Amino acid sequence: MSTKVTAILSYFGLIFWVVAFVAGDKEGAKFWLNQSLVLTLCSVAMSIIAAIPIVGWIVGGIGSIAVLVFWVMGLICAIQEEEKPLPLIGGIEILK
């Protein structure tokens, strides 16, 4: 797979992320693979926080909206092949 296809696929959930990681251009798309993995982990964290009554519902709801906005921003950057870090979570580096 090309770098662009790998970058785009990585944003469509964990299964597609694994496919992009295994079959795609890892070195060329490492930035987007990392960004989408961090975004997925933030989404899981927001789901866990949202399980807490009252305050968790509010924080989890706002956080989930933020994750959705970051997902759209990341996907647009992957389509345009711009290595632009996501706000707030873009500095987190899981994949070296």
PDB file of N, CA and C in Angstrom:
ATOM      1  N   MET A   1       0.843  -1.187   0.000  1.00  0.00           N
ATOM      2  CA  MET A   1       0.000   0.000   0.000  1.00  0.00           C
ATOM      3  C   MET A   1       0.886   1.248   0.000  1.00  0.00           C
ATOM      4  N   SER A   2       0.394   2.279  -0.604  1.00  0.00           N
ATOM      5  CA  SER A   2       1.130   3.534  -0.621  1.00  0.00           C
ATOM      6  C   SER A   2       1.029   4.221   0.737  1.00  0.00           C
ATOM      7  N   THR A   3       1.834   5.231   0.927  1.00  0.00           N
ATOM      8  CA  THR A   3       1.835   5.978   2.174  1.00  0.00           C
ATOM      9  C   THR A   3       0.481   6.632   2.419  1.00  0.00           C
ATOM     10  N   LYS A   4      -0.098   7.201   1.378  1.00  0.00           N
ATOM     11  CA  LYS A   4      -1.371   7.900   1.519  1.00  0.00           C
ATOM     12  C   LYS A   4      -2.494   6.933   1.913  1.00  0.00           C
ATOM     13  N   VAL A   5      -2.557   5.787   1.280  1.00  0.00           N
ATOM     14  CA  VAL A   5      -3.595   4.799   1.602  1.00  0.00           C
ATOM     15  C   VAL A   5      -3.399   4.284   3.020  1.00  0.00           C
ATOM     16  N   THR A   6      -2.155   4.037   3.406  1.00  0.00           N
ATOM     17  CA  THR A   6      -1.865   3.587   4.766  1.00  0.00           C
ATOM     18  C   THR A   6      -2.316   4.634   5.782  1.00  0.00           C
ATOM     19  N   ALA A   7      -2.018   5.898   5.514  1.00  0.00           N
ATOM     20  CA  ALA A   7      -2.389   6.975   6.429  1.00  0.00           C
ATOM     21  C   ALA A   7      -3.904   7.091   6.566  1.00  0.00           C
ATOM     22  N   ILE A   8      -4.615   7.013   5.460  1.00  0.00           N
ATOM     23  CA  ILE A   8      -6.072   7.136   5.487  1.00  0.00           C
ATOM     24  C   ILE A   8      -6.704   5.939   6.187  1.00  0.00           C
ATOM     25  N   LEU A   9      -6.250   4.737   5.874  1.00  0.00           N
ATOM     26  CA  LEU A   9      -6.813   3.534   6.493  1.00  0.00           C
ATOM     27  C   LEU A   9      -6.628   3.522   8.002  1.00  0.00           C
ATOM     28  N   SER A  10      -5.529   4.066   8.472  1.00  0.00           N
ATOM     29  CA  SER A  10      -5.240   4.018   9.905  1.00  0.00           C
ATOM     30  C   SER A  10      -6.274   4.768  10.739  1.00  0.00           C
ATOM     31  N   TYR A  11      -7.004   5.680  10.146  1.00  0.00           N
ATOM     32  CA  TYR A  11      -8.001   6.458  10.882  1.00  0.00           C
ATOM     33  C   TYR A  11      -9.372   5.786  10.977  1.00  0.00           C
ATOM     34  N   PHE A  12      -9.554   4.621  10.367  1.00  0.00           N
ATOM     35  CA  PHE A  12     -10.876   4.003  10.340  1.00  0.00           C
ATOM     36  C   PHE A  12     -11.025   2.839  11.311  1.00  0.00           C
ATOM     37  N   GLY A  13     -10.496   2.985  12.487  1.00  0.00           N
ATOM     38  CA  GLY A  13     -10.694   1.988  13.536  1.00  0.00           C
ATOM     39  C   GLY A  13      -9.493   1.089  13.726  1.00  0.00           C
ATOM     40  N   LEU A  14      -9.545   0.325  14.798  1.00  0.00           N
ATOM     41  CA  LEU A  14      -8.413  -0.492  15.199  1.00  0.00           C
ATOM     42  C   LEU A  14      -8.104  -1.609  14.203  1.00  0.00           C
ATOM     43  N   ILE A  15      -9.124  -2.202  13.623  1.00  0.00           N
ATOM     44  CA  ILE A  15      -8.886  -3.286  12.659  1.00  0.00           C
ATOM     45  C   ILE A  15      -8.170  -2.737  11.426  1.00  0.00           C
ATOM     46  N   PHE A  16      -8.639  -1.622  10.910  1.00  0.00           N
ATOM     47  CA  PHE A  16      -7.974  -1.017   9.753  1.00  0.00           C
ATOM     48  C   PHE A  16      -6.589  -0.507  10.120  1.00  0.00           C
ATOM     49  N   TRP A  17      -6.408  -0.059  11.366  1.00  0.00           N
ATOM     50  CA  TRP A  17      -5.099   0.389  11.824  1.00  0.00           C
ATOM     51  C   TRP A  17      -4.108  -0.772  11.774  1.00  0.00           C
ATOM     52  N   VAL A  18      -4.547  -1.940  12.248  1.00  0.00           N
ATOM     53  CA  VAL A  18      -3.678  -3.122  12.227  1.00  0.00           C
ATOM     54  C   VAL A  18      -3.338  -3.502  10.785  1.00  0.00           C
ATOM     55  N   VAL A  19      -4.322  -3.469   9.903  1.00  0.00           N
ATOM     56  CA  VAL A  19      -4.072  -3.774   8.488  1.00  0.00           C
ATOM     57  C   VAL A  19      -3.076  -2.770   7.904  1.00  0.00           C
ATOM     58  N   ALA A  20      -3.271  -1.493   8.202  1.00  0.00           N
ATOM     59  CA  ALA A  20      -2.353  -0.469   7.692  1.00  0.00           C
ATOM     60  C   ALA A  20      -0.956  -0.653   8.271  1.00  0.00           C
ATOM     61  N   PHE A  21      -0.870  -1.036   9.523  1.00  0.00           N
ATOM     62  CA  PHE A  21       0.425  -1.224  10.173  1.00  0.00           C
ATOM     63  C   PHE A  21       1.160  -2.426   9.594  1.00  0.00           C
ATOM     64  N   VAL A  22       0.436  -3.509   9.370  1.00  0.00           N
ATOM     65  CA  VAL A  22       1.053  -4.745   8.889  1.00  0.00           C
ATOM     66  C   VAL A  22       1.352  -4.681   7.391  1.00  0.00           C
ATOM     67  N   ALA A  23       0.385  -4.239   6.584  1.00  0.00           N
ATOM     68  CA  ALA A  23       0.523  -4.314   5.130  1.00  0.00           C
ATOM     69  C   ALA A  23       0.963  -3.008   4.485  1.00  0.00           C
ATOM     70  N   GLY A  24       0.928  -1.924   5.219  1.00  0.00           N
ATOM     71  CA  GLY A  24       1.195  -0.630   4.608  1.00  0.00           C
ATOM     72  C   GLY A  24       2.638  -0.191   4.697  1.00  0.00           C
ATOM     73  N   ASP A  25       2.868   1.014   4.244  1.00  0.00           N
ATOM     74  CA  ASP A  25       4.184   1.640   4.281  1.00  0.00           C
ATOM     75  C   ASP A  25       4.395   2.218   5.677  1.00  0.00           C
ATOM     76  N   LYS A  26       4.990   1.416   6.565  1.00  0.00           N
ATOM     77  CA  LYS A  26       5.141   1.819   7.964  1.00  0.00           C
ATOM     78  C   LYS A  26       6.030   3.045   8.128  1.00  0.00           C
ATOM     79  N   GLU A  27       7.137   3.064   7.421  1.00  0.00           N
ATOM     80  CA  GLU A  27       8.073   4.170   7.592  1.00  0.00           C
ATOM     81  C   GLU A  27       7.515   5.485   7.054  1.00  0.00           C
ATOM     82  N   GLY A  28       6.869   5.435   5.911  1.00  0.00           N
ATOM     83  CA  GLY A  28       6.336   6.644   5.312  1.00  0.00           C
ATOM     84  C   GLY A  28       5.123   7.181   6.045  1.00  0.00           C
ATOM     85  N   ALA A  29       4.335   6.291   6.637  1.00  0.00           N
ATOM     86  CA  ALA A  29       3.089   6.698   7.294  1.00  0.00           C
ATOM     87  C   ALA A  29       3.171   6.584   8.812  1.00  0.00           C
ATOM     88  N   LYS A  30       4.371   6.499   9.343  1.00  0.00           N
ATOM     89  CA  LYS A  30       4.532   6.336  10.795  1.00  0.00           C
ATOM     90  C   LYS A  30       3.883   7.478  11.574  1.00  0.00           C
ATOM     91  N   PHE A  31       3.957   8.683  11.063  1.00  0.00           N
ATOM     92  CA  PHE A  31       3.351   9.834  11.727  1.00  0.00           C
ATOM     93  C   PHE A  31       1.848   9.635  11.888  1.00  0.00           C
ATOM     94  N   TRP A  32       1.164   9.250  10.810  1.00  0.00           N
ATOM     95  CA  TRP A  32      -0.288   9.088  10.856  1.00  0.00           C
ATOM     96  C   TRP A  32      -0.697   7.852  11.638  1.00  0.00           C
ATOM     97  N   LEU A  33       0.103   6.795  11.561  1.00  0.00           N
ATOM     98  CA  LEU A  33      -0.177   5.604  12.369  1.00  0.00           C
ATOM     99  C   LEU A  33      -0.127   5.955  13.854  1.00  0.00           C
ATOM    100  N   ASN A  34       0.859   6.751  14.240  1.00  0.00           N
ATOM    101  CA  ASN A  34       0.973   7.176  15.634  1.00  0.00           C
ATOM    102  C   ASN A  34      -0.200   8.064  16.039  1.00  0.00           C
ATOM    103  N   GLN A  35      -0.525   9.036  15.200  1.00  0.00           N
ATOM    104  CA  GLN A  35      -1.616   9.961  15.518  1.00  0.00           C
ATOM    105  C   GLN A  35      -2.947   9.227  15.672  1.00  0.00           C
ATOM    106  N   SER A  36      -3.222   8.300  14.779  1.00  0.00           N
ATOM    107  CA  SER A  36      -4.493   7.583  14.848  1.00  0.00           C
ATOM    108  C   SER A  36      -4.527   6.623  16.028  1.00  0.00           C
ATOM    109  N   LEU A  37      -3.393   6.051  16.407  1.00  0.00           N
ATOM    110  CA  LEU A  37      -3.347   5.185  17.588  1.00  0.00           C
ATOM    111  C   LEU A  37      -3.602   5.991  18.856  1.00  0.00           C
ATOM    112  N   VAL A  38      -2.991   7.148  18.970  1.00  0.00           N
ATOM    113  CA  VAL A  38      -3.231   8.028  20.118  1.00  0.00           C
ATOM    114  C   VAL A  38      -4.695   8.449  20.159  1.00  0.00           C
ATOM    115  N   LEU A  39      -5.261   8.757  19.025  1.00  0.00           N
ATOM    116  CA  LEU A  39      -6.667   9.150  18.937  1.00  0.00           C
ATOM    117  C   LEU A  39      -7.586   8.009  19.364  1.00  0.00           C
ATOM    118  N   THR A  40      -7.269   6.791  18.954  1.00  0.00           N
ATOM    119  CA  THR A  40      -8.059   5.627  19.351  1.00  0.00           C
ATOM    120  C   THR A  40      -7.985   5.418  20.865  1.00  0.00           C
ATOM    121  N   LEU A  41      -6.800   5.558  21.435  1.00  0.00           N
ATOM    122  CA  LEU A  41      -6.654   5.408  22.890  1.00  0.00           C
ATOM    123  C   LEU A  41      -7.401   6.502  23.645  1.00  0.00           C
ATOM    124  N   CYS A  42      -7.414   7.712  23.115  1.00  0.00           N
ATOM    125  CA  CYS A  42      -8.194   8.797  23.723  1.00  0.00           C
ATOM    126  C   CYS A  42      -9.686   8.501  23.646  1.00  0.00           C
ATOM    127  N   SER A  43     -10.121   7.917  22.558  1.00  0.00           N
ATOM    128  CA  SER A  43     -11.525   7.548  22.409  1.00  0.00           C
ATOM    129  C   SER A  43     -11.918   6.495  23.440  1.00  0.00           C
ATOM    130  N   VAL A  44     -11.045   5.516  23.659  1.00  0.00           N
ATOM    131  CA  VAL A  44     -11.302   4.491  24.678  1.00  0.00           C
ATOM    132  C   VAL A  44     -11.348   5.134  26.063  1.00  0.00           C
ATOM    133  N   ALA A  45     -10.433   6.056  26.333  1.00  0.00           N
ATOM    134  CA  ALA A  45     -10.419   6.742  27.625  1.00  0.00           C
ATOM    135  C   ALA A  45     -11.710   7.545  27.843  1.00  0.00           C
ATOM    136  N   MET A  46     -12.186   8.208  26.797  1.00  0.00           N
ATOM    137  CA  MET A  46     -13.440   8.961  26.918  1.00  0.00           C
ATOM    138  C   MET A  46     -14.627   8.033  27.177  1.00  0.00           C
ATOM    139  N   SER A  47     -14.608   6.858  26.597  1.00  0.00           N
ATOM    140  CA  SER A  47     -15.681   5.889  26.842  1.00  0.00           C
ATOM    141  C   SER A  47     -15.668   5.416  28.292  1.00  0.00           C
ATOM    142  N   ILE A  48     -14.486   5.206  28.827  1.00  0.00           N
ATOM    143  CA  ILE A  48     -14.371   4.789  30.230  1.00  0.00           C
ATOM    144  C   ILE A  48     -14.814   5.905  31.155  1.00  0.00           C
ATOM    145  N   ILE A  49     -14.404   7.125  30.864  1.00  0.00           N
ATOM    146  CA  ILE A  49     -14.802   8.278  31.685  1.00  0.00           C
ATOM    147  C   ILE A  49     -16.310   8.486  31.621  1.00  0.00           C
ATOM    148  N   ALA A  50     -16.901   8.274  30.469  1.00  0.00           N
ATOM    149  CA  ALA A  50     -18.344   8.472  30.293  1.00  0.00           C
ATOM    150  C   ALA A  50     -19.172   7.479  31.095  1.00  0.00           C
ATOM    151  N   ALA A  51     -18.557   6.410  31.585  1.00  0.00           N
ATOM    152  CA  ALA A  51     -19.278   5.432  32.395  1.00  0.00           C
ATOM    153  C   ALA A  51     -19.526   5.926  33.821  1.00  0.00           C
ATOM    154  N   ILE A  52     -18.825   6.978  34.208  1.00  0.00           N
ATOM    155  CA  ILE A  52     -19.008   7.553  35.543  1.00  0.00           C
ATOM    156  C   ILE A  52     -20.253   8.431  35.521  1.00  0.00           C
ATOM    157  N   PRO A  53     -21.175   8.228  36.470  1.00  0.00           N
ATOM    158  CA  PRO A  53     -22.412   9.020  36.470  1.00  0.00           C
ATOM    159  C   PRO A  53     -22.170  10.527  36.631  1.00  0.00           C
ATOM    160  N   ILE A  54     -23.049  11.301  36.091  1.00  0.00           N
ATOM    161  CA  ILE A  54     -23.138  12.764  36.118  1.00  0.00           C
ATOM    162  C   ILE A  54     -21.882  13.444  35.559  1.00  0.00           C
ATOM    163  N   VAL A  55     -20.840  13.600  36.362  1.00  0.00           N
ATOM    164  CA  VAL A  55     -19.649  14.334  35.922  1.00  0.00           C
ATOM    165  C   VAL A  55     -18.986  13.613  34.750  1.00  0.00           C
ATOM    166  N   GLY A  56     -18.894  12.306  34.816  1.00  0.00           N
ATOM    167  CA  GLY A  56     -18.293  11.532  33.739  1.00  0.00           C
ATOM    168  C   GLY A  56     -19.072  11.652  32.449  1.00  0.00           C
ATOM    169  N   TRP A  57     -20.390  11.732  32.569  1.00  0.00           N
ATOM    170  CA  TRP A  57     -21.214  11.889  31.374  1.00  0.00           C
ATOM    171  C   TRP A  57     -20.891  13.207  30.682  1.00  0.00           C
ATOM    172  N   ILE A  58     -20.734  14.253  31.464  1.00  0.00           N
ATOM    173  CA  ILE A  58     -20.444  15.575  30.901  1.00  0.00           C
ATOM    174  C   ILE A  58     -19.045  15.603  30.295  1.00  0.00           C
ATOM    175  N   VAL A  59     -18.048  15.189  31.098  1.00  0.00           N
ATOM    176  CA  VAL A  59     -16.658  15.207  30.625  1.00  0.00           C
ATOM    177  C   VAL A  59     -16.480  14.240  29.453  1.00  0.00           C
ATOM    178  N   GLY A  60     -17.062  13.051  29.563  1.00  0.00           N
ATOM    179  CA  GLY A  60     -16.960  12.075  28.492  1.00  0.00           C
ATOM    180  C   GLY A  60     -17.632  12.544  27.215  1.00  0.00           C
ATOM    181  N   GLY A  61     -18.777  13.227  27.349  1.00  0.00           N
ATOM    182  CA  GLY A  61     -19.477  13.754  26.177  1.00  0.00           C
ATOM    183  C   GLY A  61     -18.681  14.834  25.474  1.00  0.00           C
ATOM    184  N   ILE A  62     -18.147  15.772  26.245  1.00  0.00           N
ATOM    185  CA  ILE A  62     -17.332  16.845  25.666  1.00  0.00           C
ATOM    186  C   ILE A  62     -16.054  16.261  25.064  1.00  0.00           C
ATOM    187  N   GLY A  63     -15.441  15.315  25.788  1.00  0.00           N
ATOM    188  CA  GLY A  63     -14.224  14.674  25.280  1.00  0.00           C
ATOM    189  C   GLY A  63     -14.475  13.890  24.006  1.00  0.00           C
ATOM    190  N   SER A  64     -15.632  13.232  23.921  1.00  0.00           N
ATOM    191  CA  SER A  64     -15.969  12.472  22.718  1.00  0.00           C
ATOM    192  C   SER A  64     -16.180  13.388  21.514  1.00  0.00           C
ATOM    193  N   ILE A  65     -16.768  14.537  21.760  1.00  0.00           N
ATOM    194  CA  ILE A  65     -16.927  15.521  20.681  1.00  0.00           C
ATOM    195  C   ILE A  65     -15.553  16.016  20.222  1.00  0.00           C
ATOM    196  N   ALA A  66     -14.653  16.265  21.172  1.00  0.00           N
ATOM    197  CA  ALA A  66     -13.291  16.693  20.835  1.00  0.00           C
ATOM    198  C   ALA A  66     -12.569  15.619  20.034  1.00  0.00           C
ATOM    199  N   VAL A  67     -12.729  14.355  20.433  1.00  0.00           N
ATOM    200  CA  VAL A  67     -12.098  13.248  19.701  1.00  0.00           C
ATOM    201  C   VAL A  67     -12.641  13.183  18.274  1.00  0.00           C
ATOM    202  N   LEU A  68     -13.936  13.386  18.099  1.00  0.00           N
ATOM    203  CA  LEU A  68     -14.529  13.384  16.764  1.00  0.00           C
ATOM    204  C   LEU A  68     -13.947  14.516  15.907  1.00  0.00           C
ATOM    205  N   VAL A  69     -13.814  15.696  16.474  1.00  0.00           N
ATOM    206  CA  VAL A  69     -13.239  16.832  15.747  1.00  0.00           C
ATOM    207  C   VAL A  69     -11.784  16.536  15.378  1.00  0.00           C
ATOM    208  N   PHE A  70     -11.016  15.969  16.336  1.00  0.00           N
ATOM    209  CA  PHE A  70      -9.619  15.619  16.055  1.00  0.00           C
ATOM    210  C   PHE A  70      -9.525  14.545  14.979  1.00  0.00           C
ATOM    211  N   TRP A  71     -10.484  13.598  14.977  1.00  0.00           N
ATOM    212  CA  TRP A  71     -10.494  12.543  13.971  1.00  0.00           C
ATOM    213  C   TRP A  71     -10.679  13.142  12.571  1.00  0.00           C
ATOM    214  N   VAL A  72     -11.619  14.064  12.453  1.00  0.00           N
ATOM    215  CA  VAL A  72     -11.856  14.722  11.155  1.00  0.00           C
ATOM    216  C   VAL A  72     -10.617  15.503  10.727  1.00  0.00           C
ATOM    217  N   MET A  73     -10.011  16.221  11.663  1.00  0.00           N
ATOM    218  CA  MET A  73      -8.807  16.987  11.343  1.00  0.00           C
ATOM    219  C   MET A  73      -7.671  16.067  10.891  1.00  0.00           C
ATOM    220  N   GLY A  74      -7.490  14.966  11.596  1.00  0.00           N
ATOM    221  CA  GLY A  74      -6.435  14.018  11.251  1.00  0.00           C
ATOM    222  C   GLY A  74      -6.673  13.367   9.907  1.00  0.00           C
ATOM    223  N   LEU A  75      -7.920  13.009   9.640  1.00  0.00           N
ATOM    224  CA  LEU A  75      -8.252  12.385   8.359  1.00  0.00           C
ATOM    225  C   LEU A  75      -8.016  13.352   7.202  1.00  0.00           C
ATOM    226  N   ILE A  76      -8.396  14.592   7.385  1.00  0.00           N
ATOM    227  CA  ILE A  76      -8.166  15.597   6.337  1.00  0.00           C
ATOM    228  C   ILE A  76      -6.671  15.778   6.089  1.00  0.00           C
ATOM    229  N   CYS A  77      -5.890  15.828   7.155  1.00  0.00           N
ATOM    230  CA  CYS A  77      -4.433  15.959   6.994  1.00  0.00           C
ATOM    231  C   CYS A  77      -3.838  14.727   6.313  1.00  0.00           C
ATOM    232  N   ALA A  78      -4.363  13.536   6.622  1.00  0.00           N
ATOM    233  CA  ALA A  78      -3.872  12.318   5.974  1.00  0.00           C
ATOM    234  C   ALA A  78      -4.209  12.321   4.492  1.00  0.00           C
ATOM    235  N   ILE A  79      -5.396  12.786   4.145  1.00  0.00           N
ATOM    236  CA  ILE A  79      -5.797  12.853   2.735  1.00  0.00           C
ATOM    237  C   ILE A  79      -4.909  13.840   1.978  1.00  0.00           C
ATOM    238  N   GLN A  80      -4.592  14.955   2.621  1.00  0.00           N
ATOM    239  CA  GLN A  80      -3.755  15.971   1.978  1.00  0.00           C
ATOM    240  C   GLN A  80      -2.260  15.693   2.144  1.00  0.00           C
ATOM    241  N   GLU A  81      -1.922  14.636   2.876  1.00  0.00           N
ATOM    242  CA  GLU A  81      -0.546  14.238   3.161  1.00  0.00           C
ATOM    243  C   GLU A  81       0.245  15.337   3.859  1.00  0.00           C
ATOM    244  N   GLU A  82      -0.398  16.020   4.809  1.00  0.00           N
ATOM    245  CA  GLU A  82       0.249  17.027   5.639  1.00  0.00           C
ATOM    246  C   GLU A  82       0.560  16.415   6.993  1.00  0.00           C
ATOM    247  N   GLU A  83       1.799  16.495   7.432  1.00  0.00           N
ATOM    248  CA  GLU A  83       2.165  15.981   8.748  1.00  0.00           C
ATOM    249  C   GLU A  83       1.953  17.075   9.789  1.00  0.00           C
ATOM    250  N   LYS A  84       0.706  17.320  10.110  1.00  0.00           N
ATOM    251  CA  LYS A  84       0.319  18.363  11.047  1.00  0.00           C
ATOM    252  C   LYS A  84      -0.182  17.683  12.326  1.00  0.00           C
ATOM    253  N   PRO A  85       0.466  17.898  13.473  1.00  0.00           N
ATOM    254  CA  PRO A  85       0.026  17.218  14.694  1.00  0.00           C
ATOM    255  C   PRO A  85      -1.349  17.699  15.158  1.00  0.00           C
ATOM    256  N   LEU A  86      -2.082  16.786  15.772  1.00  0.00           N
ATOM    257  CA  LEU A  86      -3.399  17.116  16.302  1.00  0.00           C
ATOM    258  C   LEU A  86      -3.268  18.018  17.522  1.00  0.00           C
ATOM    259  N   PRO A  87      -4.249  18.881  17.763  1.00  0.00           N
ATOM    260  CA  PRO A  87      -4.195  19.724  18.955  1.00  0.00           C
ATOM    261  C   PRO A  87      -4.254  18.874  20.227  1.00  0.00           C
ATOM    262  N   LEU A  88      -3.599  19.314  21.260  1.00  0.00           N
ATOM    263  CA  LEU A  88      -3.566  18.704  22.594  1.00  0.00           C
ATOM    264  C   LEU A  88      -2.886  17.346  22.648  1.00  0.00           C
ATOM    265  N   ILE A  89      -3.193  16.432  21.747  1.00  0.00           N
ATOM    266  CA  ILE A  89      -2.658  15.072  21.822  1.00  0.00           C
ATOM    267  C   ILE A  89      -1.613  14.784  20.754  1.00  0.00           C
ATOM    268  N   GLY A  90      -1.312  15.744  19.913  1.00  0.00           N
ATOM    269  CA  GLY A  90      -0.394  15.527  18.801  1.00  0.00           C
ATOM    270  C   GLY A  90       1.047  15.294  19.205  1.00  0.00           C
ATOM    271  N   GLY A  91       1.411  15.718  20.398  1.00  0.00           N
ATOM    272  CA  GLY A  91       2.798  15.555  20.858  1.00  0.00           C
ATOM    273  C   GLY A  91       3.083  14.195  21.468  1.00  0.00           C
ATOM    274  N   ILE A  92       2.054  13.399  21.694  1.00  0.00           N
ATOM    275  CA  ILE A  92       2.245  12.078  22.289  1.00  0.00           C
ATOM    276  C   ILE A  92       2.779  11.131  21.221  1.00  0.00           C
ATOM    277  N   GLU A  93       3.884  10.468  21.545  1.00  0.00           N
ATOM    278  CA  GLU A  93       4.491   9.571  20.570  1.00  0.00           C
ATOM    279  C   GLU A  93       4.568   8.168  21.138  1.00  0.00           C
ATOM    280  N   ILE A  94       3.780   7.261  20.570  1.00  0.00           N
ATOM    281  CA  ILE A  94       3.753   5.869  21.001  1.00  0.00           C
ATOM    282  C   ILE A  94       4.663   5.036  20.116  1.00  0.00           C
ATOM    283  N   LEU A  95       4.539   5.219  18.808  1.00  0.00           N
ATOM    284  CA  LEU A  95       5.378   4.493  17.850  1.00  0.00           C
ATOM    285  C   LEU A  95       6.657   5.274  17.618  1.00  0.00           C
ATOM    286  N   LYS A  96       7.764   4.604  17.748  1.00  0.00           N
ATOM    287  CA  LYS A  96       9.060   5.270  17.534  1.00  0.00           C
ATOM    288  C   LYS A  96       9.566   5.000  16.139  1.00  0.00           C
TER     289      LYS A  96
END
